[in-house]
Amino acid sequence: MNILLHISEEPRKVTVVSFPRDLIFDAPACDTADGGRFGGGTLQINELYTYGGLSCVITAISDMSGQQIQFGAMVTFGGVIEITNAIGGVEICLASDMRDANTGIDWEAGPRTIQGLEALQFLRTRYGVGGSDLARVSNQQQYMSRLARKLVSEEVLSNPSTVLRLASTGLRNVTPTQSLTNPLTLVQVASAVKDVPFEDIVFVQYPTVTARSDANRVEPDDAAAEVLWDALRENRSIEVTGGVSVNDGTVIAEPTPGEQVSPTEDPAVEPGEVDPRTGAIALPPAITGSSAAQQTCSAGVVN
């Protein structure tokens, strides 16, 4: 999966945009790391790294979003294991039992702290959430949201020495761009986001429609995406109106007694307009996701 992490200027906001691996799009031509040239063309986005490397992926996401991308990194499966071990795991939530013979998951409903191999199983499972790549993205966003809550709530990001240790561990397990090779750069990024309110840390899935060339693939919904890109360029808060997931990959968690729950009803405004209740730009219903202020659970299916 390809992820764009956008950190705004003051006032700080964090937006995480996930691009599904089954997305077919027109990739731009780009230079490759070995000094060659990839000619671009129509392909599935998860093929792009193989053809052009990390630099081509960055070029393509930058071209698609209109955002200038300063840093990039590629994380291997082994890297996921090491990084989750370094943070002591992440507590996720299963709304129902989850079993997937393809990844080896056989877990009961309820909260579960995952790290190492279990974190990799969870992030990779597709059939554990119904077999849909789009549902898998929603499931992965649950993990990222709960990770963000852990890092902020436990004040990990407020401790420079802890952040430096985590940054060093991370960089040993990823392939970064040259601009990201110094662990102190990650410490600076952590410092920039440590005080962002949970409601301004938002995870969304890039909007898509069924591909005309292949009913089992998707292609960009450019009109819906443009509302998102405009909001990021204008440094506006965004409000998700399309629900928390695609294909029921996740559901809103049941609140614990006394817990404040963010409203999820659709605002009475058109997409692209400002919601007078929140001052945020209302995203089109085609864009799903949630903020870190909301807690979701994997819908889970037995496969």
Protein backbone atom coordinates (compact mmCIF):
# COMPACT_ATOMS: atom_id res chain seq x y z
CA MET A 1 0.00 0.00 0.00
CA ASN A 2 1.15 3.54 -0.74
CA ILE A 3 0.56 6.22 1.91
CA LEU A 4 0.83 10.00 1.69
CA LEU A 5 1.43 11.69 5.06
CA HIS A 6 0.60 15.40 4.93
CA ILE A 7 1.63 17.69 7.80
CA SER A 8 0.31 21.20 7.39
CA GLU A 9 1.77 24.53 8.37
CA GLU A 10 0.43 26.18 11.52
CA PRO A 11 -2.15 25.44 12.73
CA ARG A 12 -0.83 21.88 12.49
CA LYS A 13 -3.00 19.18 10.99
CA VAL A 14 -2.05 15.63 9.97
CA THR A 15 -3.77 13.89 7.06
CA VAL A 16 -2.91 10.34 6.05
CA VAL A 17 -4.11 9.32 2.57
CA SER A 18 -4.02 5.61 1.70
CA PHE A 19 -3.94 4.51 -1.95
CA PRO A 20 -5.31 0.98 -2.55
CA ARG A 21 -2.96 -1.45 -4.27
CA ASP A 22 -5.65 -2.34 -6.86
CA LEU A 23 -5.72 1.25 -8.17
CA ILE A 24 -5.20 1.52 -11.94
CA PHE A 25 -3.94 4.95 -13.00
CA ASP A 26 -1.81 6.79 -15.56
CA ALA A 27 1.71 6.85 -14.14
CA PRO A 28 3.99 9.69 -15.24
CA ALA A 29 7.39 9.12 -16.79
CA CYS A 30 10.19 9.40 -14.23
CA ASP A 31 13.88 8.86 -13.58
CA THR A 32 14.84 5.65 -11.78
CA ALA A 33 17.42 5.22 -9.02
CA ASP A 34 19.83 3.40 -11.36
CA GLY A 35 19.95 6.37 -13.74
CA GLY A 36 17.45 4.93 -16.18
CA ARG A 37 14.10 6.22 -17.32
CA PHE A 38 10.65 4.71 -16.77
CA GLY A 39 8.29 5.73 -19.54
CA GLY A 40 5.09 5.76 -17.51
CA GLY A 41 1.73 4.56 -18.76
CA THR A 42 -1.39 2.88 -17.41
CA LEU A 43 -0.68 0.35 -14.68
CA GLN A 44 -1.71 -0.85 -11.23
CA ILE A 45 -0.14 1.30 -8.56
CA ASN A 46 1.47 -1.59 -6.67
CA GLU A 47 3.52 -2.36 -9.79
CA LEU A 48 5.15 1.04 -9.89
CA TYR A 49 7.87 0.35 -7.32
CA THR A 50 9.02 -2.70 -9.29
CA TYR A 51 9.32 -0.72 -12.52
CA GLY A 52 10.67 2.58 -11.26
CA GLY A 53 11.67 2.32 -7.60
CA LEU A 54 10.86 4.66 -4.73
CA SER A 55 11.60 7.85 -6.69
CA CYS A 56 8.98 6.93 -9.28
CA VAL A 57 6.39 6.22 -6.61
CA ILE A 58 7.05 9.64 -5.06
CA THR A 59 6.77 11.32 -8.47
CA ALA A 60 3.48 9.57 -9.19
CA ILE A 61 1.87 10.40 -5.82
CA SER A 62 3.10 13.99 -6.07
CA ASP A 63 1.68 14.28 -9.59
CA MET A 64 -1.65 12.76 -8.54
CA SER A 65 -2.06 14.90 -5.42
CA GLY A 66 -0.42 18.15 -6.48
CA GLN A 67 1.59 18.02 -3.23
CA GLN A 68 5.34 18.59 -2.99
CA ILE A 69 6.75 15.50 -1.25
CA GLN A 70 9.90 16.18 0.76
CA PHE A 71 10.57 12.75 2.25
CA GLY A 72 9.87 9.16 1.28
CA ALA A 73 10.59 5.66 2.52
CA MET A 74 9.85 2.04 1.68
CA VAL A 75 9.18 -0.38 4.55
CA THR A 76 9.68 -4.13 4.09
CA PHE A 77 7.63 -6.81 5.84
CA GLY A 78 10.58 -7.46 8.15
CA GLY A 79 10.74 -3.76 8.90
CA VAL A 80 7.11 -3.77 10.04
CA ILE A 81 7.95 -6.51 12.55
CA GLU A 82 10.97 -4.66 13.95
CA ILE A 83 9.22 -1.30 14.19
CA THR A 84 6.16 -2.67 15.98
CA ASN A 85 8.41 -4.53 18.40
CA ALA A 86 10.25 -1.28 19.13
CA ILE A 87 7.05 0.48 20.24
CA GLY A 88 5.78 -2.44 22.30
CA GLY A 89 2.89 -3.28 20.02
CA VAL A 90 -0.43 -1.62 19.23
CA GLU A 91 -3.81 -2.50 20.73
CA ILE A 92 -6.35 -3.09 17.97
CA CYS A 93 -10.02 -4.04 18.24
CA LEU A 94 -11.97 -6.87 16.59
CA ALA A 95 -15.75 -6.41 16.49
CA SER A 96 -16.12 -10.13 15.72
CA ASP A 97 -13.91 -13.19 15.36
CA MET A 98 -11.33 -12.95 12.56
CA ARG A 99 -9.94 -15.98 10.77
CA ASP A 100 -7.91 -15.97 7.59
CA ALA A 101 -6.12 -19.08 6.38
CA ASN A 102 -3.99 -17.02 4.00
CA THR A 103 -2.27 -15.07 6.78
CA GLY A 104 -2.74 -17.56 9.62
CA ILE A 105 -5.05 -15.34 11.68
CA ASP A 106 -7.36 -17.14 14.10
CA TRP A 107 -8.34 -14.51 16.64
CA GLU A 108 -11.35 -14.01 18.88
CA ALA A 109 -13.36 -10.79 19.03
CA GLY A 110 -12.25 -8.10 21.44
CA PRO A 111 -9.16 -5.97 22.10
CA ARG A 112 -5.78 -7.46 21.15
CA THR A 113 -2.27 -6.06 21.41
CA ILE A 114 -0.32 -7.03 18.31
CA GLN A 115 3.34 -6.71 17.45
CA GLY A 116 5.94 -8.52 15.41
CA LEU A 117 4.48 -11.22 13.17
CA GLU A 118 0.92 -10.61 14.39
CA ALA A 119 1.13 -6.95 13.32
CA LEU A 120 2.25 -8.07 9.87
CA GLN A 121 -0.59 -10.61 9.66
CA PHE A 122 -3.11 -7.95 10.62
CA LEU A 123 -1.84 -5.37 8.15
CA ARG A 124 -1.73 -7.89 5.30
CA THR A 125 -5.07 -9.64 5.85
CA ARG A 126 -7.54 -9.20 3.05
CA TYR A 127 -9.83 -12.17 3.51
CA GLY A 128 -10.09 -11.50 7.23
CA VAL A 129 -12.14 -8.43 6.28
CA GLY A 130 -14.17 -9.95 3.47
CA GLY A 131 -11.61 -10.31 0.69
CA SER A 132 -11.68 -6.68 -0.44
CA ASP A 133 -8.52 -4.66 -0.92
CA LEU A 134 -10.49 -1.50 -0.09
CA ALA A 135 -11.73 -3.04 3.17
CA ARG A 136 -8.14 -3.99 3.98
CA VAL A 137 -7.10 -0.34 3.64
CA SER A 138 -9.78 0.64 6.19
CA ASN A 139 -8.48 -2.07 8.50
CA GLN A 140 -4.92 -0.79 8.15
CA GLN A 141 -6.13 2.70 8.99
CA GLN A 142 -7.52 1.40 12.27
CA TYR A 143 -4.00 0.24 13.14
CA MET A 144 -2.45 3.58 12.14
CA SER A 145 -5.04 5.56 14.11
CA ARG A 146 -4.51 3.52 17.25
CA LEU A 147 -0.74 3.80 16.78
CA ALA A 148 -1.08 7.58 16.63
CA ARG A 149 -3.16 7.61 19.81
CA LYS A 150 -0.58 5.47 21.60
CA LEU A 151 2.36 7.64 20.56
CA VAL A 152 0.60 10.82 21.68
CA SER A 153 -1.23 9.55 24.77
CA GLU A 154 1.84 7.89 26.22
CA GLU A 155 3.87 11.03 25.46
CA VAL A 156 6.33 9.10 23.34
CA LEU A 157 6.57 11.98 20.87
CA SER A 158 7.30 14.42 23.71
CA ASN A 159 10.45 12.57 24.76
CA PRO A 160 13.30 13.43 22.35
CA SER A 161 15.53 10.56 23.46
CA THR A 162 12.72 8.01 22.99
CA VAL A 163 11.84 9.44 19.60
CA LEU A 164 15.50 9.35 18.54
CA ARG A 165 15.73 5.68 19.54
CA LEU A 166 12.57 4.85 17.62
CA ALA A 167 13.74 6.88 14.62
CA SER A 168 17.05 5.03 14.56
CA THR A 169 15.24 1.69 14.74
CA GLY A 170 12.91 2.76 11.96
CA LEU A 171 15.66 3.91 9.63
CA ARG A 172 17.50 0.61 10.07
CA ASN A 173 14.41 -1.15 8.73
CA VAL A 174 13.32 1.09 5.87
CA THR A 175 14.74 2.31 2.58
CA PRO A 176 14.55 6.12 2.88
CA THR A 177 15.17 8.89 0.41
CA GLN A 178 18.42 10.80 0.96
CA SER A 179 16.46 13.62 2.63
CA LEU A 180 15.31 11.24 5.37
CA THR A 181 18.53 9.45 6.29
CA ASN A 182 19.25 11.54 9.41
CA PRO A 183 17.30 10.33 12.50
CA LEU A 184 17.18 13.92 13.75
CA THR A 185 14.90 14.73 10.81
CA LEU A 186 12.34 12.27 12.17
CA VAL A 187 12.72 13.81 15.61
CA GLN A 188 11.86 17.19 14.09
CA VAL A 189 8.81 15.69 12.38
CA ALA A 190 7.68 14.14 15.68
CA SER A 191 8.11 17.48 17.42
CA ALA A 192 5.92 19.13 14.80
CA VAL A 193 2.99 16.74 15.28
CA LYS A 194 3.11 15.86 18.99
CA ASP A 195 0.52 18.48 20.00
CA VAL A 196 -1.92 18.04 17.10
CA PRO A 197 -5.44 17.32 18.49
CA PHE A 198 -6.81 13.85 17.73
CA GLU A 199 -9.65 15.35 15.68
CA ASP A 200 -7.07 16.95 13.38
CA ILE A 201 -5.27 13.65 12.73
CA VAL A 202 -7.38 12.19 9.93
CA PHE A 203 -6.99 8.96 7.97
CA VAL A 204 -8.74 8.81 4.60
CA GLN A 205 -8.82 6.44 1.67
CA TYR A 206 -8.16 7.87 -1.78
CA PRO A 207 -11.54 7.90 -3.55
CA THR A 208 -12.03 5.45 -6.40
CA VAL A 209 -14.63 4.03 -8.75
CA THR A 210 -14.77 0.65 -10.46
CA ALA A 211 -12.23 0.56 -13.27
CA ARG A 212 -13.72 0.60 -16.76
CA SER A 213 -11.08 -1.84 -17.98
CA ASP A 214 -11.43 -4.36 -15.13
CA ALA A 215 -14.39 -4.78 -12.78
CA ASN A 216 -12.05 -6.25 -10.15
CA ARG A 217 -9.89 -3.11 -10.04
CA VAL A 218 -10.52 0.56 -9.28
CA GLU A 219 -9.52 3.86 -10.87
CA PRO A 220 -9.32 7.42 -9.49
CA ASP A 221 -12.41 9.45 -8.65
CA ASP A 222 -10.70 12.69 -9.61
CA ALA A 223 -13.61 15.01 -8.78
CA ALA A 224 -13.88 13.75 -5.20
CA ALA A 225 -10.11 13.72 -4.74
CA GLU A 226 -9.78 17.33 -5.85
CA VAL A 227 -11.89 18.49 -2.89
CA LEU A 228 -9.41 16.77 -0.58
CA TRP A 229 -6.35 18.19 -2.34
CA ASP A 230 -7.85 21.71 -2.31
CA ALA A 231 -8.49 21.46 1.43
CA LEU A 232 -4.89 20.40 2.07
CA ARG A 233 -3.52 23.23 -0.07
CA GLU A 234 -5.67 25.73 1.86
CA ASN A 235 -4.71 24.18 5.23
CA ARG A 236 -8.35 23.61 6.13
CA SER A 237 -9.63 21.01 8.57
CA ILE A 238 -11.48 18.19 6.81
CA GLU A 239 -14.64 16.37 7.79
CA VAL A 240 -15.29 12.83 6.57
CA THR A 241 -18.92 12.30 5.50
CA GLY A 242 -18.53 8.96 3.72
CA GLY A 243 -18.37 6.64 6.73
CA VAL A 244 -15.35 5.03 8.35
CA SER A 245 -14.64 2.32 5.77
CA VAL A 246 -15.15 0.86 2.32
CA ASN A 247 -16.91 -2.51 2.05
CA ASP A 248 -17.44 -2.68 5.82
CA GLY A 249 -13.80 -3.31 6.69
CA THR A 250 -14.20 -1.47 9.99
CA VAL A 251 -17.00 -0.21 12.23
CA ILE A 252 -17.19 2.43 14.95
CA ALA A 253 -16.16 0.95 18.30
CA GLU A 254 -18.69 0.76 21.09
CA PRO A 255 -17.87 3.58 23.52
CA THR A 256 -16.80 2.79 27.04
CA PRO A 257 -18.94 4.29 29.83
CA GLY A 258 -18.40 8.04 30.02
CA GLU A 259 -16.38 8.22 26.79
CA GLN A 260 -16.98 11.18 24.48
CA VAL A 261 -17.85 10.07 20.95
CA SER A 262 -17.33 12.30 17.92
CA PRO A 263 -20.50 12.82 15.86
CA THR A 264 -20.63 10.88 12.61
CA GLU A 265 -23.82 12.18 11.01
CA ASP A 266 -23.47 13.85 7.63
CA PRO A 267 -23.26 17.65 7.78
CA ALA A 268 -26.01 19.67 6.13
CA VAL A 269 -23.57 21.14 3.62
CA GLU A 270 -22.46 20.23 0.12
CA PRO A 271 -19.07 18.60 -0.50
CA GLY A 272 -16.36 21.23 -0.63
CA GLU A 273 -18.32 23.66 1.55
CA VAL A 274 -17.49 24.66 5.11
CA ASP A 275 -19.49 22.94 7.84
CA PRO A 276 -20.66 25.83 10.09
CA ARG A 277 -20.60 23.53 13.14
CA THR A 278 -16.92 22.69 12.84
CA GLY A 279 -15.37 25.11 10.34
CA ALA A 280 -14.08 22.10 8.40
CA ILE A 281 -14.38 21.35 4.69
CA ALA A 282 -16.94 18.60 4.12
CA LEU A 283 -15.40 15.89 1.96
CA PRO A 284 -17.51 14.07 -0.65
CA PRO A 285 -19.19 10.84 0.53
CA ALA A 286 -16.88 8.95 -1.85
CA ILE A 287 -14.04 9.58 0.62
CA THR A 288 -14.14 7.33 3.67
CA GLY A 289 -12.03 7.45 6.80
CA SER A 290 -11.90 8.57 10.40
CA SER A 291 -9.99 10.79 12.77
CA ALA A 292 -7.84 9.62 15.66
CA ALA A 293 -10.60 11.01 17.90
CA GLN A 294 -12.81 8.17 16.69
CA GLN A 295 -12.06 4.56 17.54
CA THR A 296 -12.84 1.84 15.02
CA CYS A 297 -12.80 -1.96 15.14
CA SER A 298 -12.18 -4.53 12.42
CA ALA A 299 -15.50 -5.92 11.24
CA GLY A 300 -13.79 -9.29 10.86
CA VAL A 301 -15.01 -12.38 8.99
CA VAL A 302 -14.22 -16.05 9.20
CA ASN A 303 -12.49 -17.33 6.06
